[in-house]
All heavy atoms as atom14 arrays in JSON, in Angstrom:
{
  "sequence": "DQIIITAKLFRNGRSYGTEAAVCTRVAPATTHCVGTFSLPL",
  "atom14_mask": [
    [1, 1, 1, 1, 1, 1, 1, 1, 0, 0, 0, 0, 0, 0],
    [1, 1, 1, 1, 1, 1, 1, 1, 1, 0, 0, 0, 0, 0],
    [1, 1, 1, 1, 1, 1, 1, 1, 0, 0, 0, 0, 0, 0],
    [1, 1, 1, 1, 1, 1, 1, 1, 0, 0, 0, 0, 0, 0],
    [1, 1, 1, 1, 1, 1, 1, 1, 0, 0, 0, 0, 0, 0],
    [1, 1, 1, 1, 1, 1, 1, 0, 0, 0, 0, 0, 0, 0],
    [1, 1, 1, 1, 1, 0, 0, 0, 0, 0, 0, 0, 0, 0],
    [1, 1, 1, 1, 1, 1, 1, 1, 1, 0, 0, 0, 0, 0],
    [1, 1, 1, 1, 1, 1, 1, 1, 0, 0, 0, 0, 0, 0],
    [1, 1, 1, 1, 1, 1, 1, 1, 1, 1, 1, 0, 0, 0],
    [1, 1, 1, 1, 1, 1, 1, 1, 1, 1, 1, 0, 0, 0],
    [1, 1, 1, 1, 1, 1, 1, 1, 0, 0, 0, 0, 0, 0],
    [1, 1, 1, 1, 0, 0, 0, 0, 0, 0, 0, 0, 0, 0],
    [1, 1, 1, 1, 1, 1, 1, 1, 1, 1, 1, 0, 0, 0],
    [1, 1, 1, 1, 1, 1, 0, 0, 0, 0, 0, 0, 0, 0],
    [1, 1, 1, 1, 1, 1, 1, 1, 1, 1, 1, 1, 0, 0],
    [1, 1, 1, 1, 0, 0, 0, 0, 0, 0, 0, 0, 0, 0],
    [1, 1, 1, 1, 1, 1, 1, 0, 0, 0, 0, 0, 0, 0],
    [1, 1, 1, 1, 1, 1, 1, 1, 1, 0, 0, 0, 0, 0],
    [1, 1, 1, 1, 1, 0, 0, 0, 0, 0, 0, 0, 0, 0],
    [1, 1, 1, 1, 1, 0, 0, 0, 0, 0, 0, 0, 0, 0],
    [1, 1, 1, 1, 1, 1, 1, 0, 0, 0, 0, 0, 0, 0],
    [1, 1, 1, 1, 1, 1, 0, 0, 0, 0, 0, 0, 0, 0],
    [1, 1, 1, 1, 1, 1, 1, 0, 0, 0, 0, 0, 0, 0],
    [1, 1, 1, 1, 1, 1, 1, 1, 1, 1, 1, 0, 0, 0],
    [1, 1, 1, 1, 1, 1, 1, 0, 0, 0, 0, 0, 0, 0],
    [1, 1, 1, 1, 1, 0, 0, 0, 0, 0, 0, 0, 0, 0],
    [1, 1, 1, 1, 1, 1, 1, 0, 0, 0, 0, 0, 0, 0],
    [1, 1, 1, 1, 1, 0, 0, 0, 0, 0, 0, 0, 0, 0],
    [1, 1, 1, 1, 1, 1, 1, 0, 0, 0, 0, 0, 0, 0],
    [1, 1, 1, 1, 1, 1, 1, 0, 0, 0, 0, 0, 0, 0],
    [1, 1, 1, 1, 1, 1, 1, 1, 1, 1, 0, 0, 0, 0],
    [1, 1, 1, 1, 1, 1, 0, 0, 0, 0, 0, 0, 0, 0],
    [1, 1, 1, 1, 1, 1, 1, 0, 0, 0, 0, 0, 0, 0],
    [1, 1, 1, 1, 0, 0, 0, 0, 0, 0, 0, 0, 0, 0],
    [1, 1, 1, 1, 1, 1, 1, 0, 0, 0, 0, 0, 0, 0],
    [1, 1, 1, 1, 1, 1, 1, 1, 1, 1, 1, 0, 0, 0],
    [1, 1, 1, 1, 1, 1, 0, 0, 0, 0, 0, 0, 0, 0],
    [1, 1, 1, 1, 1, 1, 1, 1, 0, 0, 0, 0, 0, 0],
    [1, 1, 1, 1, 1, 1, 1, 0, 0, 0, 0, 0, 0, 0],
    [1, 1, 1, 1, 1, 1, 1, 1, 0, 0, 0, 0, 0, 0]
  ],
  "atom14_positions": [
    [[-103.67, -109.04, -112.23], [-102.42, -108.65, -111.57], [-102.73, -108.35, -110.11], [-103.81, -107.84, -109.78], [-101.81, -107.4, -112.2], [-101.18, -107.64, -113.56], [-101.09, -108.81, -113.98], [-100.76, -106.66, -114.19], [0.0, 0.0, 0.0], [0.0, 0.0, 0.0], [0.0, 0.0, 0.0], [0.0, 0.0, 0.0], [0.0, 0.0, 0.0], [0.0, 0.0, 0.0]],
    [[-101.79, -108.65, -109.23], [-102.0, -108.37, -107.82], [-100.91, -107.46, -107.29], [-99.74, -107.56, -107.7], [-102.03, -109.65, -107.0], [-103.26, -110.49, -107.3], [-103.38, -111.66, -106.37], [-102.41, -112.3, -106.03], [-104.62, -111.92, -105.94], [0.0, 0.0, 0.0], [0.0, 0.0, 0.0], [0.0, 0.0, 0.0], [0.0, 0.0, 0.0], [0.0, 0.0, 0.0]],
    [[-101.3, -106.58, -106.4], [-100.37, -105.69, -105.71], [-100.41, -106.09, -104.24], [-101.48, -106.09, -103.62], [-100.79, -104.21, -105.86], [-100.92, -103.84, -107.33], [-99.8, -103.3, -105.14], [-101.67, -102.54, -107.57], [0.0, 0.0, 0.0], [0.0, 0.0, 0.0], [0.0, 0.0, 0.0], [0.0, 0.0, 0.0], [0.0, 0.0, 0.0], [0.0, 0.0, 0.0]],
    [[-99.27, -106.48, -103.71], [-99.18, -106.9, -102.3], [-98.49, -105.78, -101.54], [-97.41, -105.33, -101.93], [-98.4, -108.22, -102.18], [-99.12, -109.3, -103.01], [-98.27, -108.62, -100.71], [-98.3, -110.53, -103.24], [0.0, 0.0, 0.0], [0.0, 0.0, 0.0], [0.0, 0.0, 0.0], [0.0, 0.0, 0.0], [0.0, 0.0, 0.0], [0.0, 0.0, 0.0]],
    [[-99.13, -105.32, -100.48], [-98.7, -104.12, -99.77], [-98.54, -104.41, -98.29], [-99.39, -105.05, -97.68], [-99.75, -103.0, -99.96], [-99.91, -102.7, -101.45], [-99.38, -101.75, -99.17], [-101.19, -101.99, -101.79], [0.0, 0.0, 0.0], [0.0, 0.0, 0.0], [0.0, 0.0, 0.0], [0.0, 0.0, 0.0], [0.0, 0.0, 0.0], [0.0, 0.0, 0.0]],
    [[-97.45, -103.93, -97.7], [-97.27, -104.0, -96.25], [-96.85, -102.63, -95.74], [-96.23, -101.85, -96.46], [-96.21, -105.05, -95.84], [-94.98, -104.73, -96.47], [-96.65, -106.45, -96.24], [0.0, 0.0, 0.0], [0.0, 0.0, 0.0], [0.0, 0.0, 0.0], [0.0, 0.0, 0.0], [0.0, 0.0, 0.0], [0.0, 0.0, 0.0], [0.0, 0.0, 0.0]],
    [[-97.21, -102.33, -94.5], [-96.9, -101.01, -93.93], [-96.84, -101.09, -92.41], [-97.43, -101.98, -91.8], [-97.97, -100.0, -94.34], [0.0, 0.0, 0.0], [0.0, 0.0, 0.0], [0.0, 0.0, 0.0], [0.0, 0.0, 0.0], [0.0, 0.0, 0.0], [0.0, 0.0, 0.0], [0.0, 0.0, 0.0], [0.0, 0.0, 0.0], [0.0, 0.0, 0.0]],
    [[-96.14, -100.14, -91.84], [-96.15, -99.92, -90.39], [-97.18, -98.83, -90.12], [-97.3, -97.87, -90.88], [-94.78, -99.46, -89.91], [-93.73, -100.54, -89.97], [-92.41, -100.04, -89.42], [-91.36, -101.13, -89.49], [-90.06, -100.65, -89.0], [0.0, 0.0, 0.0], [0.0, 0.0, 0.0], [0.0, 0.0, 0.0], [0.0, 0.0, 0.0], [0.0, 0.0, 0.0]],
    [[-97.89, -98.97, -89.0], [-98.91, -98.0, -88.61], [-98.42, -97.18, -87.43], [-97.72, -97.7, -86.56], [-100.2, -98.73, -88.23], [-100.78, -99.64, -89.29], [-101.97, -100.39, -88.75], [-101.14, -98.84, -90.51], [0.0, 0.0, 0.0], [0.0, 0.0, 0.0], [0.0, 0.0, 0.0], [0.0, 0.0, 0.0], [0.0, 0.0, 0.0], [0.0, 0.0, 0.0]],
    [[-98.84, -95.91, -87.41], [-98.41, -95.0, -86.35], [-99.58, -94.2, -85.81], [-100.48, -93.82, -86.55], [-97.34, -94.03, -86.88], [-96.11, -94.74, -87.33], [-95.99, -95.17, -88.65], [-95.08, -95.0, -86.45], [-94.86, -95.85, -89.07], [-93.94, -95.68, -86.86], [-93.83, -96.11, -88.18], [0.0, 0.0, 0.0], [0.0, 0.0, 0.0], [0.0, 0.0, 0.0]],
    [[-99.52, -93.94, -84.52], [-100.48, -93.07, -83.85], [-99.65, -92.02, -83.1], [-98.81, -92.37, -82.28], [-101.31, -93.87, -82.87], [-102.24, -93.01, -82.06], [-102.99, -93.85, -81.04], [-103.28, -93.01, -79.91], [-103.34, -93.41, -78.66], [-103.13, -94.68, -78.37], [-103.6, -92.58, -77.7], [0.0, 0.0, 0.0], [0.0, 0.0, 0.0], [0.0, 0.0, 0.0]],
    [[-99.88, -90.76, -83.4], [-99.12, -89.67, -82.77], [-97.62, -89.9, -82.89], [-96.86, -89.65, -81.95], [-99.51, -89.52, -81.3], [-100.96, -89.12, -81.15], [-101.51, -88.41, -81.98], [-101.59, -89.59, -80.1], [0.0, 0.0, 0.0], [0.0, 0.0, 0.0], [0.0, 0.0, 0.0], [0.0, 0.0, 0.0], [0.0, 0.0, 0.0], [0.0, 0.0, 0.0]],
    [[-97.17, -90.42, -84.03], [-95.75, -90.62, -84.28], [-95.16, -91.86, -83.65], [-93.98, -92.15, -83.83], [0.0, 0.0, 0.0], [0.0, 0.0, 0.0], [0.0, 0.0, 0.0], [0.0, 0.0, 0.0], [0.0, 0.0, 0.0], [0.0, 0.0, 0.0], [0.0, 0.0, 0.0], [0.0, 0.0, 0.0], [0.0, 0.0, 0.0], [0.0, 0.0, 0.0]],
    [[-95.95, -92.64, -82.91], [-95.45, -93.85, -82.25], [-95.97, -95.09, -82.97], [-97.12, -95.14, -83.4], [-95.89, -93.9, -80.79], [-95.36, -92.74, -80.01], [-95.82, -92.82, -78.58], [-94.67, -92.39, -77.79], [-94.42, -92.78, -76.59], [-95.21, -93.62, -75.98], [-93.36, -92.34, -75.95], [0.0, 0.0, 0.0], [0.0, 0.0, 0.0], [0.0, 0.0, 0.0]],
    [[-95.14, -96.11, -83.03], [-95.52, -97.37, -83.66], [-96.8, -97.91, -83.03], [-96.95, -97.91, -81.81], [-94.38, -98.38, -83.49], [-94.73, -99.59, -84.11], [0.0, 0.0, 0.0], [0.0, 0.0, 0.0], [0.0, 0.0, 0.0], [0.0, 0.0, 0.0], [0.0, 0.0, 0.0], [0.0, 0.0, 0.0], [0.0, 0.0, 0.0], [0.0, 0.0, 0.0]],
    [[-97.75, -98.37, -83.9], [-99.02, -98.85, -83.38], [-99.55, -100.07, -84.12], [-100.72, -100.39, -84.04], [-100.06, -97.73, -83.4], [-101.21, -98.01, -82.48], [-101.06, -97.87, -81.1], [-102.43, -98.42, -82.96], [-102.11, -98.14, -80.24], [-103.49, -98.69, -82.1], [-103.31, -98.55, -80.75], [-104.35, -98.82, -79.88], [0.0, 0.0, 0.0], [0.0, 0.0, 0.0]],
    [[-98.72, -100.76, -84.88], [-99.18, -101.97, -85.55], [-98.68, -102.07, -86.97], [-97.8, -101.32, -87.41], [0.0, 0.0, 0.0], [0.0, 0.0, 0.0], [0.0, 0.0, 0.0], [0.0, 0.0, 0.0], [0.0, 0.0, 0.0], [0.0, 0.0, 0.0], [0.0, 0.0, 0.0], [0.0, 0.0, 0.0], [0.0, 0.0, 0.0], [0.0, 0.0, 0.0]],
    [[-99.27, -103.0, -87.68], [-98.89, -103.25, -89.07], [-100.13, -103.44, -89.93], [-101.23, -103.67, -89.41], [-98.0, -104.51, -89.2], [-98.72, -105.62, -88.68], [-96.68, -104.33, -88.46], [0.0, 0.0, 0.0], [0.0, 0.0, 0.0], [0.0, 0.0, 0.0], [0.0, 0.0, 0.0], [0.0, 0.0, 0.0], [0.0, 0.0, 0.0], [0.0, 0.0, 0.0]],
    [[-99.92, -103.39, -91.23], [-100.99, -103.61, -92.18], [-100.48, -104.48, -93.31], [-99.32, -104.39, -93.7], [-101.48, -102.29, -92.77], [-102.53, -102.5, -93.84], [-102.83, -101.25, -94.64], [-101.99, -100.35, -94.68], [-103.91, -101.2, -95.22], [0.0, 0.0, 0.0], [0.0, 0.0, 0.0], [0.0, 0.0, 0.0], [0.0, 0.0, 0.0], [0.0, 0.0, 0.0]],
    [[-101.35, -105.32, -93.84], [-101.06, -106.09, -95.04], [-102.31, -106.05, -95.91], [-103.43, -106.1, -95.39], [-100.7, -107.53, -94.7], [0.0, 0.0, 0.0], [0.0, 0.0, 0.0], [0.0, 0.0, 0.0], [0.0, 0.0, 0.0], [0.0, 0.0, 0.0], [0.0, 0.0, 0.0], [0.0, 0.0, 0.0], [0.0, 0.0, 0.0], [0.0, 0.0, 0.0]],
    [[-102.1, -105.94, -97.23], [-103.23, -105.88, -98.15], [-102.86, -106.52, -99.47], [-101.68, -106.56, -99.85], [-103.65, -104.43, -98.38], [0.0, 0.0, 0.0], [0.0, 0.0, 0.0], [0.0, 0.0, 0.0], [0.0, 0.0, 0.0], [0.0, 0.0, 0.0], [0.0, 0.0, 0.0], [0.0, 0.0, 0.0], [0.0, 0.0, 0.0], [0.0, 0.0, 0.0]],
    [[-103.89, -107.0, -100.17], [-103.72, -107.52, -101.53], [-104.77, -106.83, -102.39], [-105.96, -106.86, -102.08], [-103.91, -109.04, -101.59], [-103.84, -109.53, -103.03], [-102.89, -109.76, -100.73], [0.0, 0.0, 0.0], [0.0, 0.0, 0.0], [0.0, 0.0, 0.0], [0.0, 0.0, 0.0], [0.0, 0.0, 0.0], [0.0, 0.0, 0.0], [0.0, 0.0, 0.0]],
    [[-104.31, -106.18, -103.45], [-105.2, -105.52, -104.4], [-105.12, -106.27, -105.72], [-104.02, -106.53, -106.23], [-104.8, -104.07, -104.61], [-104.95, -103.07, -103.11], [0.0, 0.0, 0.0], [0.0, 0.0, 0.0], [0.0, 0.0, 0.0], [0.0, 0.0, 0.0], [0.0, 0.0, 0.0], [0.0, 0.0, 0.0], [0.0, 0.0, 0.0], [0.0, 0.0, 0.0]],
    [[-106.27, -106.63, -106.27], [-106.33, -107.36, -107.54], [-106.95, -106.46, -108.59], [-108.02, -105.87, -108.36], [-107.17, -108.64, -107.37], [-106.6, -109.43, -106.34], [-107.21, -109.43, -108.67], [0.0, 0.0, 0.0], [0.0, 0.0, 0.0], [0.0, 0.0, 0.0], [0.0, 0.0, 0.0], [0.0, 0.0, 0.0], [0.0, 0.0, 0.0], [0.0, 0.0, 0.0]],
    [[-106.3, -106.37, -109.75], [-106.84, -105.56, -110.86], [-108.02, -106.32, -111.45], [-107.89, -107.44, -111.91], [-105.78, -105.32, -111.92], [-106.24, -104.33, -112.97], [-105.1, -103.85, -113.85], [-104.0, -103.27, -113.11], [-103.98, -102.06, -112.53], [-105.03, -101.29, -112.63], [-102.92, -101.64, -111.9], [0.0, 0.0, 0.0], [0.0, 0.0, 0.0], [0.0, 0.0, 0.0]],
    [[-109.22, -105.69, -111.42], [-110.43, -106.32, -111.92], [-110.96, -105.66, -113.18], [-111.89, -106.16, -113.81], [-111.53, -106.35, -110.83], [-111.09, -107.23, -109.66], [-111.89, -104.95, -110.36], [0.0, 0.0, 0.0], [0.0, 0.0, 0.0], [0.0, 0.0, 0.0], [0.0, 0.0, 0.0], [0.0, 0.0, 0.0], [0.0, 0.0, 0.0], [0.0, 0.0, 0.0]],
    [[-110.38, -104.54, -113.55], [-110.68, -103.82, -114.8], [-109.44, -102.99, -115.1], [-108.57, -102.85, -114.23], [-111.92, -102.93, -114.63], [0.0, 0.0, 0.0], [0.0, 0.0, 0.0], [0.0, 0.0, 0.0], [0.0, 0.0, 0.0], [0.0, 0.0, 0.0], [0.0, 0.0, 0.0], [0.0, 0.0, 0.0], [0.0, 0.0, 0.0], [0.0, 0.0, 0.0]],
    [[-109.31, -102.45, -116.31], [-108.07, -101.74, -116.65], [-107.62, -100.7, -115.63], [-106.44, -100.57, -115.37], [-108.39, -101.11, -118.01], [-109.38, -102.06, -118.61], [-110.23, -102.54, -117.45], [0.0, 0.0, 0.0], [0.0, 0.0, 0.0], [0.0, 0.0, 0.0], [0.0, 0.0, 0.0], [0.0, 0.0, 0.0], [0.0, 0.0, 0.0], [0.0, 0.0, 0.0]],
    [[-108.53, -99.96, -115.01], [-108.13, -98.93, -114.05], [-108.79, -99.15, -112.68], [-108.89, -98.21, -111.89], [-108.48, -97.55, -114.59], [0.0, 0.0, 0.0], [0.0, 0.0, 0.0], [0.0, 0.0, 0.0], [0.0, 0.0, 0.0], [0.0, 0.0, 0.0], [0.0, 0.0, 0.0], [0.0, 0.0, 0.0], [0.0, 0.0, 0.0], [0.0, 0.0, 0.0]],
    [[-109.23, -100.37, -112.39], [-109.95, -100.64, -111.15], [-109.3, -101.78, -110.39], [-108.98, -102.81, -110.96], [-111.42, -101.0, -111.45], [-112.02, -99.93, -112.18], [-112.21, -101.23, -110.17], [0.0, 0.0, 0.0], [0.0, 0.0, 0.0], [0.0, 0.0, 0.0], [0.0, 0.0, 0.0], [0.0, 0.0, 0.0], [0.0, 0.0, 0.0], [0.0, 0.0, 0.0]],
    [[-109.13, -101.58, -109.07], [-108.62, -102.63, -108.2], [-109.6, -102.9, -107.07], [-110.29, -102.01, -106.6], [-107.25, -102.26, -107.58], [-107.38, -101.02, -106.89], [-106.16, -102.17, -108.62], [0.0, 0.0, 0.0], [0.0, 0.0, 0.0], [0.0, 0.0, 0.0], [0.0, 0.0, 0.0], [0.0, 0.0, 0.0], [0.0, 0.0, 0.0], [0.0, 0.0, 0.0]],
    [[-109.65, -104.17, -106.67], [-110.41, -104.59, -105.5], [-109.37, -104.96, -104.45], [-108.53, -105.83, -104.67], [-111.29, -105.8, -105.82], [-112.04, -106.28, -104.62], [-111.67, -107.4, -103.93], [-113.11, -105.78, -103.98], [-112.49, -107.57, -102.91], [-113.37, -106.61, -102.92], [0.0, 0.0, 0.0], [0.0, 0.0, 0.0], [0.0, 0.0, 0.0], [0.0, 0.0, 0.0]],
    [[-109.4, -104.28, -103.3], [-108.4, -104.48, -102.26], [-109.04, -105.02, -100.99], [-110.13, -104.6, -100.61], [-107.7, -103.17, -101.93], [-106.82, -102.43, -103.31], [0.0, 0.0, 0.0], [0.0, 0.0, 0.0], [0.0, 0.0, 0.0], [0.0, 0.0, 0.0], [0.0, 0.0, 0.0], [0.0, 0.0, 0.0], [0.0, 0.0, 0.0], [0.0, 0.0, 0.0]],
    [[-108.33, -105.94, -100.35], [-108.71, -106.44, -99.03], [-107.47, -106.37, -98.16], [-106.36, -106.58, -98.64], [-109.28, -107.88, -99.06], [-110.58, -107.93, -99.82], [-108.28, -108.85, -99.66], [0.0, 0.0, 0.0], [0.0, 0.0, 0.0], [0.0, 0.0, 0.0], [0.0, 0.0, 0.0], [0.0, 0.0, 0.0], [0.0, 0.0, 0.0], [0.0, 0.0, 0.0]],
    [[-107.66, -106.03, -96.89], [-106.5, -105.89, -96.02], [-106.84, -106.11, -94.57], [-108.0, -106.21, -94.19], [0.0, 0.0, 0.0], [0.0, 0.0, 0.0], [0.0, 0.0, 0.0], [0.0, 0.0, 0.0], [0.0, 0.0, 0.0], [0.0, 0.0, 0.0], [0.0, 0.0, 0.0], [0.0, 0.0, 0.0], [0.0, 0.0, 0.0], [0.0, 0.0, 0.0]],
    [[-105.78, -106.19, -93.76], [-105.92, -106.38, -92.33], [-104.98, -105.44, -91.6], [-103.82, -105.3, -91.98], [-105.57, -107.84, -91.94], [-106.44, -108.71, -92.65], [-105.72, -108.06, -90.44], [0.0, 0.0, 0.0], [0.0, 0.0, 0.0], [0.0, 0.0, 0.0], [0.0, 0.0, 0.0], [0.0, 0.0, 0.0], [0.0, 0.0, 0.0], [0.0, 0.0, 0.0]],
    [[-105.49, -104.79, -90.57], [-104.69, -104.0, -89.66], [-104.46, -104.83, -88.42], [-105.42, -105.28, -87.8], [-105.42, -102.72, -89.25], [-105.87, -101.87, -90.39], [-107.21, -101.7, -90.63], [-104.95, -101.23, -91.21], [-107.64, -100.9, -91.67], [-105.37, -100.44, -92.25], [-106.71, -100.27, -92.49], [0.0, 0.0, 0.0], [0.0, 0.0, 0.0], [0.0, 0.0, 0.0]],
    [[-103.24, -105.04, -88.05], [-102.92, -105.76, -86.82], [-102.51, -104.72, -85.78], [-101.47, -104.07, -85.9], [-101.78, -106.76, -87.06], [-101.52, -107.48, -85.88], [0.0, 0.0, 0.0], [0.0, 0.0, 0.0], [0.0, 0.0, 0.0], [0.0, 0.0, 0.0], [0.0, 0.0, 0.0], [0.0, 0.0, 0.0], [0.0, 0.0, 0.0], [0.0, 0.0, 0.0]],
    [[-103.36, -104.55, -84.77], [-103.19, -103.52, -83.76], [-102.94, -104.17, -82.4], [-103.19, -105.36, -82.23], [-104.43, -102.64, -83.71], [-104.86, -102.03, -85.05], [-106.17, -101.28, -84.89], [-103.77, -101.15, -85.59], [0.0, 0.0, 0.0], [0.0, 0.0, 0.0], [0.0, 0.0, 0.0], [0.0, 0.0, 0.0], [0.0, 0.0, 0.0], [0.0, 0.0, 0.0]],
    [[-102.5, -103.42, -81.42], [-102.21, -104.0, -80.11], [-103.39, -104.75, -79.46], [-103.18, -105.72, -78.76], [-101.81, -102.8, -79.25], [-101.28, -101.81, -80.22], [-102.12, -102.0, -81.46], [0.0, 0.0, 0.0], [0.0, 0.0, 0.0], [0.0, 0.0, 0.0], [0.0, 0.0, 0.0], [0.0, 0.0, 0.0], [0.0, 0.0, 0.0], [0.0, 0.0, 0.0]],
    [[-104.63, -104.32, -79.73], [-105.79, -104.92, -79.05], [-106.65, -105.78, -79.97], [-107.77, -106.13, -79.62], [-106.62, -103.83, -78.4], [-105.88, -103.01, -77.34], [-106.73, -101.86, -76.84], [-105.43, -103.89, -76.19], [0.0, 0.0, 0.0], [0.0, 0.0, 0.0], [0.0, 0.0, 0.0], [0.0, 0.0, 0.0], [0.0, 0.0, 0.0], [0.0, 0.0, 0.0]]
  ]
}
């Protein structure tokens, strides 16, 4: 099973980028997640 996650990122309450991740269930209670933070720089 996969969990696809997206989020907005904030620094000091101000918008600072986005995040996307995919977590795959590899055991009954274990997930392996990989993600990327997209930041201004």
